[in-house]
Amino acid sequence: MIAIVDKETQRHSLKEFAMNEPDFVNSLIKEIEKDWKEAKTKKLKQIIKEDFEEYAEVFKALA
């Protein structure tokens, strides 16, 4: 069974946890930021790859 908790309750719990475990929370935030940046970079590389594939003939003609 999944318990539904409103965002304000989650916010309060997370703040309390962060105050009690600041080192853990800081390392978690850094890990999430790293994962987010990697996902963003991966998405950008995919977009660039798709664009190059789409315009491959144009690039060949210009070369």
PDB file of N, CA and C in Angstrom:
ATOM      1  N   MET A   1       0.838  -1.183   0.000  1.00  0.00           N
ATOM      2  CA  MET A   1       0.000   0.000   0.000  1.00  0.00           C
ATOM      3  C   MET A   1       0.887   1.252   0.000  1.00  0.00           C
ATOM      4  N   ILE A   2       0.529   2.212  -0.797  1.00  0.00           N
ATOM      5  CA  ILE A   2       1.302   3.446  -0.899  1.00  0.00           C
ATOM      6  C   ILE A   2       0.613   4.531  -0.083  1.00  0.00           C
ATOM      7  N   ALA A   3       1.367   5.147   0.798  1.00  0.00           N
ATOM      8  CA  ALA A   3       0.823   6.249   1.594  1.00  0.00           C
ATOM      9  C   ALA A   3       1.001   7.541   0.823  1.00  0.00           C
ATOM     10  N   ILE A   4      -0.045   8.327   0.747  1.00  0.00           N
ATOM     11  CA  ILE A   4       0.033   9.617   0.073  1.00  0.00           C
ATOM     12  C   ILE A   4       0.271  10.688   1.133  1.00  0.00           C
ATOM     13  N   VAL A   5       1.368  11.426   0.961  1.00  0.00           N
ATOM     14  CA  VAL A   5       1.737  12.465   1.912  1.00  0.00           C
ATOM     15  C   VAL A   5       1.764  13.791   1.159  1.00  0.00           C
ATOM     16  N   ASP A   6       1.133  14.809   1.730  1.00  0.00           N
ATOM     17  CA  ASP A   6       1.134  16.097   1.029  1.00  0.00           C
ATOM     18  C   ASP A   6       2.534  16.713   1.055  1.00  0.00           C
ATOM     19  N   LYS A   7       2.749  17.639   0.163  1.00  0.00           N
ATOM     20  CA  LYS A   7       4.075  18.226  -0.011  1.00  0.00           C
ATOM     21  C   LYS A   7       4.550  18.995   1.214  1.00  0.00           C
ATOM     22  N   GLU A   8       3.654  19.640   1.925  1.00  0.00           N
ATOM     23  CA  GLU A   8       4.063  20.384   3.113  1.00  0.00           C
ATOM     24  C   GLU A   8       4.566  19.434   4.203  1.00  0.00           C
ATOM     25  N   THR A   9       3.932  18.271   4.334  1.00  0.00           N
ATOM     26  CA  THR A   9       4.391  17.282   5.306  1.00  0.00           C
ATOM     27  C   THR A   9       5.759  16.757   4.893  1.00  0.00           C
ATOM     28  N   GLN A  10       5.926  16.496   3.607  1.00  0.00           N
ATOM     29  CA  GLN A  10       7.229  16.050   3.106  1.00  0.00           C
ATOM     30  C   GLN A  10       8.286  17.122   3.332  1.00  0.00           C
ATOM     31  N   ARG A  11       7.945  18.364   3.046  1.00  0.00           N
ATOM     32  CA  ARG A  11       8.880  19.474   3.219  1.00  0.00           C
ATOM     33  C   ARG A  11       9.340  19.552   4.678  1.00  0.00           C
ATOM     34  N   HIS A  12       8.404  19.476   5.588  1.00  0.00           N
ATOM     35  CA  HIS A  12       8.727  19.544   7.012  1.00  0.00           C
ATOM     36  C   HIS A  12       9.636  18.377   7.413  1.00  0.00           C
ATOM     37  N   SER A  13       9.295  17.184   6.961  1.00  0.00           N
ATOM     38  CA  SER A  13      10.094  15.994   7.298  1.00  0.00           C
ATOM     39  C   SER A  13      11.504  16.095   6.728  1.00  0.00           C
ATOM     40  N   LEU A  14      11.606  16.559   5.485  1.00  0.00           N
ATOM     41  CA  LEU A  14      12.919  16.691   4.853  1.00  0.00           C
ATOM     42  C   LEU A  14      13.772  17.747   5.550  1.00  0.00           C
ATOM     43  N   LYS A  15      13.150  18.857   5.929  1.00  0.00           N
ATOM     44  CA  LYS A  15      13.895  19.900   6.647  1.00  0.00           C
ATOM     45  C   LYS A  15      14.421  19.354   7.972  1.00  0.00           C
ATOM     46  N   GLU A  16      13.571  18.636   8.673  1.00  0.00           N
ATOM     47  CA  GLU A  16      13.977  18.065   9.958  1.00  0.00           C
ATOM     48  C   GLU A  16      15.113  17.058   9.756  1.00  0.00           C
ATOM     49  N   PHE A  17      14.987  16.224   8.735  1.00  0.00           N
ATOM     50  CA  PHE A  17      16.033  15.253   8.433  1.00  0.00           C
ATOM     51  C   PHE A  17      17.340  15.956   8.082  1.00  0.00           C
ATOM     52  N   ALA A  18      17.258  17.017   7.277  1.00  0.00           N
ATOM     53  CA  ALA A  18      18.453  17.763   6.869  1.00  0.00           C
ATOM     54  C   ALA A  18      19.149  18.383   8.069  1.00  0.00           C
ATOM     55  N   MET A  19      18.380  18.827   9.022  1.00  0.00           N
ATOM     56  CA  MET A  19      18.988  19.439  10.215  1.00  0.00           C
ATOM     57  C   MET A  19      19.655  18.378  11.083  1.00  0.00           C
ATOM     58  N   ASN A  20      19.128  17.162  11.071  1.00  0.00           N
ATOM     59  CA  ASN A  20      19.695  16.090  11.889  1.00  0.00           C
ATOM     60  C   ASN A  20      20.835  15.354  11.190  1.00  0.00           C
ATOM     61  N   GLU A  21      20.830  15.347   9.858  1.00  0.00           N
ATOM     62  CA  GLU A  21      21.835  14.613   9.071  1.00  0.00           C
ATOM     63  C   GLU A  21      22.399  15.497   7.950  1.00  0.00           C
ATOM     64  N   PRO A  22      23.024  16.620   8.279  1.00  0.00           N
ATOM     65  CA  PRO A  22      23.466  17.549   7.229  1.00  0.00           C
ATOM     66  C   PRO A  22      24.507  16.965   6.283  1.00  0.00           C
ATOM     67  N   ASP A  23      25.419  16.154   6.771  1.00  0.00           N
ATOM     68  CA  ASP A  23      26.443  15.582   5.893  1.00  0.00           C
ATOM     69  C   ASP A  23      25.822  14.643   4.859  1.00  0.00           C
ATOM     70  N   PHE A  24      24.893  13.833   5.313  1.00  0.00           N
ATOM     71  CA  PHE A  24      24.219  12.911   4.395  1.00  0.00           C
ATOM     72  C   PHE A  24      23.442  13.676   3.335  1.00  0.00           C
ATOM     73  N   VAL A  25      22.712  14.697   3.773  1.00  0.00           N
ATOM     74  CA  VAL A  25      21.898  15.482   2.842  1.00  0.00           C
ATOM     75  C   VAL A  25      22.789  16.208   1.841  1.00  0.00           C
ATOM     76  N   ASN A  26      23.907  16.772   2.296  1.00  0.00           N
ATOM     77  CA  ASN A  26      24.821  17.457   1.372  1.00  0.00           C
ATOM     78  C   ASN A  26      25.382  16.507   0.335  1.00  0.00           C
ATOM     79  N   SER A  27      25.773  15.312   0.758  1.00  0.00           N
ATOM     80  CA  SER A  27      26.305  14.354  -0.211  1.00  0.00           C
ATOM     81  C   SER A  27      25.216  13.891  -1.173  1.00  0.00           C
ATOM     82  N   LEU A  28      23.996  13.755  -0.681  1.00  0.00           N
ATOM     83  CA  LEU A  28      22.884  13.363  -1.542  1.00  0.00           C
ATOM     84  C   LEU A  28      22.589  14.443  -2.574  1.00  0.00           C
ATOM     85  N   ILE A  29      22.602  15.685  -2.161  1.00  0.00           N
ATOM     86  CA  ILE A  29      22.365  16.795  -3.085  1.00  0.00           C
ATOM     87  C   ILE A  29      23.446  16.822  -4.168  1.00  0.00           C
ATOM     88  N   LYS A  30      24.693  16.626  -3.782  1.00  0.00           N
ATOM     89  CA  LYS A  30      25.783  16.603  -4.763  1.00  0.00           C
ATOM     90  C   LYS A  30      25.608  15.447  -5.740  1.00  0.00           C
ATOM     91  N   GLU A  31      25.196  14.298  -5.236  1.00  0.00           N
ATOM     92  CA  GLU A  31      24.975  13.127  -6.090  1.00  0.00           C
ATOM     93  C   GLU A  31      23.826  13.388  -7.077  1.00  0.00           C
ATOM     94  N   ILE A  32      22.750  13.976  -6.590  1.00  0.00           N
ATOM     95  CA  ILE A  32      21.610  14.288  -7.454  1.00  0.00           C
ATOM     96  C   ILE A  32      22.013  15.305  -8.515  1.00  0.00           C
ATOM     97  N   GLU A  33      22.789  16.317  -8.123  1.00  0.00           N
ATOM     98  CA  GLU A  33      23.246  17.335  -9.076  1.00  0.00           C
ATOM     99  C   GLU A  33      24.114  16.702 -10.164  1.00  0.00           C
ATOM    100  N   LYS A  34      24.996  15.790  -9.763  1.00  0.00           N
ATOM    101  CA  LYS A  34      25.862  15.104 -10.719  1.00  0.00           C
ATOM    102  C   LYS A  34      25.023  14.277 -11.696  1.00  0.00           C
ATOM    103  N   ASP A  35      24.059  13.523 -11.161  1.00  0.00           N
ATOM    104  CA  ASP A  35      23.186  12.708 -12.012  1.00  0.00           C
ATOM    105  C   ASP A  35      22.376  13.582 -12.960  1.00  0.00           C
ATOM    106  N   TRP A  36      21.891  14.724 -12.454  1.00  0.00           N
ATOM    107  CA  TRP A  36      21.101  15.632 -13.266  1.00  0.00           C
ATOM    108  C   TRP A  36      21.933  16.199 -14.413  1.00  0.00           C
ATOM    109  N   LYS A  37      23.177  16.593 -14.106  1.00  0.00           N
ATOM    110  CA  LYS A  37      24.053  17.141 -15.140  1.00  0.00           C
ATOM    111  C   LYS A  37      24.379  16.082 -16.197  1.00  0.00           C
ATOM    112  N   GLU A  38      24.615  14.851 -15.747  1.00  0.00           N
ATOM    113  CA  GLU A  38      24.905  13.766 -16.692  1.00  0.00           C
ATOM    114  C   GLU A  38      23.706  13.504 -17.596  1.00  0.00           C
ATOM    115  N   ALA A  39      22.507  13.512 -17.032  1.00  0.00           N
ATOM    116  CA  ALA A  39      21.295  13.284 -17.828  1.00  0.00           C
ATOM    117  C   ALA A  39      21.097  14.418 -18.829  1.00  0.00           C
ATOM    118  N   LYS A  40      21.360  15.633 -18.393  1.00  0.00           N
ATOM    119  CA  LYS A  40      21.227  16.799 -19.265  1.00  0.00           C
ATOM    120  C   LYS A  40      22.230  16.716 -20.414  1.00  0.00           C
ATOM    121  N   THR A  41      23.481  16.353 -20.113  1.00  0.00           N
ATOM    122  CA  THR A  41      24.513  16.213 -21.135  1.00  0.00           C
ATOM    123  C   THR A  41      24.159  15.107 -22.118  1.00  0.00           C
ATOM    124  N   LYS A  42      23.667  13.991 -21.596  1.00  0.00           N
ATOM    125  CA  LYS A  42      23.276  12.861 -22.454  1.00  0.00           C
ATOM    126  C   LYS A  42      22.157  13.283 -23.402  1.00  0.00           C
ATOM    127  N   LYS A  43      21.182  14.025 -22.884  1.00  0.00           N
ATOM    128  CA  LYS A  43      20.070  14.481 -23.720  1.00  0.00           C
ATOM    129  C   LYS A  43      20.572  15.429 -24.808  1.00  0.00           C
ATOM    130  N   LEU A  44      21.474  16.342 -24.447  1.00  0.00           N
ATOM    131  CA  LEU A  44      22.016  17.287 -25.421  1.00  0.00           C
ATOM    132  C   LEU A  44      22.799  16.554 -26.508  1.00  0.00           C
ATOM    133  N   LYS A  45      23.611  15.571 -26.106  1.00  0.00           N
ATOM    134  CA  LYS A  45      24.374  14.800 -27.092  1.00  0.00           C
ATOM    135  C   LYS A  45      23.442  14.057 -28.034  1.00  0.00           C
ATOM    136  N   GLN A  46      22.320  13.545 -27.521  1.00  0.00           N
ATOM    137  CA  GLN A  46      21.357  12.845 -28.357  1.00  0.00           C
ATOM    138  C   GLN A  46      20.715  13.795 -29.369  1.00  0.00           C
ATOM    139  N   ILE A  47      20.390  15.001 -28.918  1.00  0.00           N
ATOM    140  CA  ILE A  47      19.805  15.998 -29.815  1.00  0.00           C
ATOM    141  C   ILE A  47      20.790  16.364 -30.918  1.00  0.00           C
ATOM    142  N   ILE A  48      22.056  16.566 -30.554  1.00  0.00           N
ATOM    143  CA  ILE A  48      23.080  16.907 -31.543  1.00  0.00           C
ATOM    144  C   ILE A  48      23.250  15.763 -32.540  1.00  0.00           C
ATOM    145  N   LYS A  49      23.277  14.534 -32.046  1.00  0.00           N
ATOM    146  CA  LYS A  49      23.419  13.373 -32.924  1.00  0.00           C
ATOM    147  C   LYS A  49      22.258  13.310 -33.910  1.00  0.00           C
ATOM    148  N   GLU A  50      21.046  13.514 -33.412  1.00  0.00           N
ATOM    149  CA  GLU A  50      19.878  13.481 -34.289  1.00  0.00           C
ATOM    150  C   GLU A  50      19.945  14.591 -35.334  1.00  0.00           C
ATOM    151  N   ASP A  51      20.382  15.780 -34.931  1.00  0.00           N
ATOM    152  CA  ASP A  51      20.502  16.889 -35.877  1.00  0.00           C
ATOM    153  C   ASP A  51      21.537  16.577 -36.955  1.00  0.00           C
ATOM    154  N   PHE A  52      22.684  16.026 -36.563  1.00  0.00           N
ATOM    155  CA  PHE A  52      23.708  15.686 -37.552  1.00  0.00           C
ATOM    156  C   PHE A  52      23.210  14.609 -38.506  1.00  0.00           C
ATOM    157  N   GLU A  53      22.471  13.647 -37.995  1.00  0.00           N
ATOM    158  CA  GLU A  53      21.912  12.601 -38.863  1.00  0.00           C
ATOM    159  C   GLU A  53      20.895  13.191 -39.827  1.00  0.00           C
ATOM    160  N   GLU A  54      20.080  14.108 -39.321  1.00  0.00           N
ATOM    161  CA  GLU A  54      19.041  14.718 -40.154  1.00  0.00           C
ATOM    162  C   GLU A  54      19.653  15.563 -41.274  1.00  0.00           C
ATOM    163  N   TYR A  55      20.730  16.263 -40.964  1.00  0.00           N
ATOM    164  CA  TYR A  55      21.337  17.167 -41.943  1.00  0.00           C
ATOM    165  C   TYR A  55      22.637  16.630 -42.539  1.00  0.00           C
ATOM    166  N   ALA A  56      22.840  15.346 -42.487  1.00  0.00           N
ATOM    167  CA  ALA A  56      24.080  14.726 -42.972  1.00  0.00           C
ATOM    168  C   ALA A  56      24.324  15.057 -44.447  1.00  0.00           C
ATOM    169  N   GLU A  57      23.309  14.976 -45.257  1.00  0.00           N
ATOM    170  CA  GLU A  57      23.475  15.254 -46.685  1.00  0.00           C
ATOM    171  C   GLU A  57      23.841  16.726 -46.935  1.00  0.00           C
ATOM    172  N   VAL A  58      23.267  17.619 -46.163  1.00  0.00           N
ATOM    173  CA  VAL A  58      23.590  19.037 -46.304  1.00  0.00           C
ATOM    174  C   VAL A  58      25.059  19.271 -45.941  1.00  0.00           C
ATOM    175  N   PHE A  59      25.489  18.662 -44.848  1.00  0.00           N
ATOM    176  CA  PHE A  59      26.890  18.826 -44.442  1.00  0.00           C
ATOM    177  C   PHE A  59      27.851  18.253 -45.499  1.00  0.00           C
ATOM    178  N   LYS A  60      27.476  17.128 -46.087  1.00  0.00           N
ATOM    179  CA  LYS A  60      28.318  16.543 -47.131  1.00  0.00           C
ATOM    180  C   LYS A  60      28.385  17.473 -48.339  1.00  0.00           C
ATOM    181  N   ALA A  61      27.274  18.061 -48.708  1.00  0.00           N
ATOM    182  CA  ALA A  61      27.242  18.966 -49.855  1.00  0.00           C
ATOM    183  C   ALA A  61      28.067  20.222 -49.592  1.00  0.00           C
ATOM    184  N   LEU A  62      28.082  20.676 -48.374  1.00  0.00           N
ATOM    185  CA  LEU A  62      28.843  21.884 -48.042  1.00  0.00           C
ATOM    186  C   LEU A  62      30.348  21.609 -47.974  1.00  0.00           C
ATOM    187  N   ALA A  63      30.726  20.362 -47.732  1.00  0.00           N
ATOM    188  CA  ALA A  63      32.134  20.024 -47.563  1.00  0.00           C
ATOM    189  C   ALA A  63      32.851  19.942 -48.848  1.00  0.00           C
TER     190      ALA A  63
END
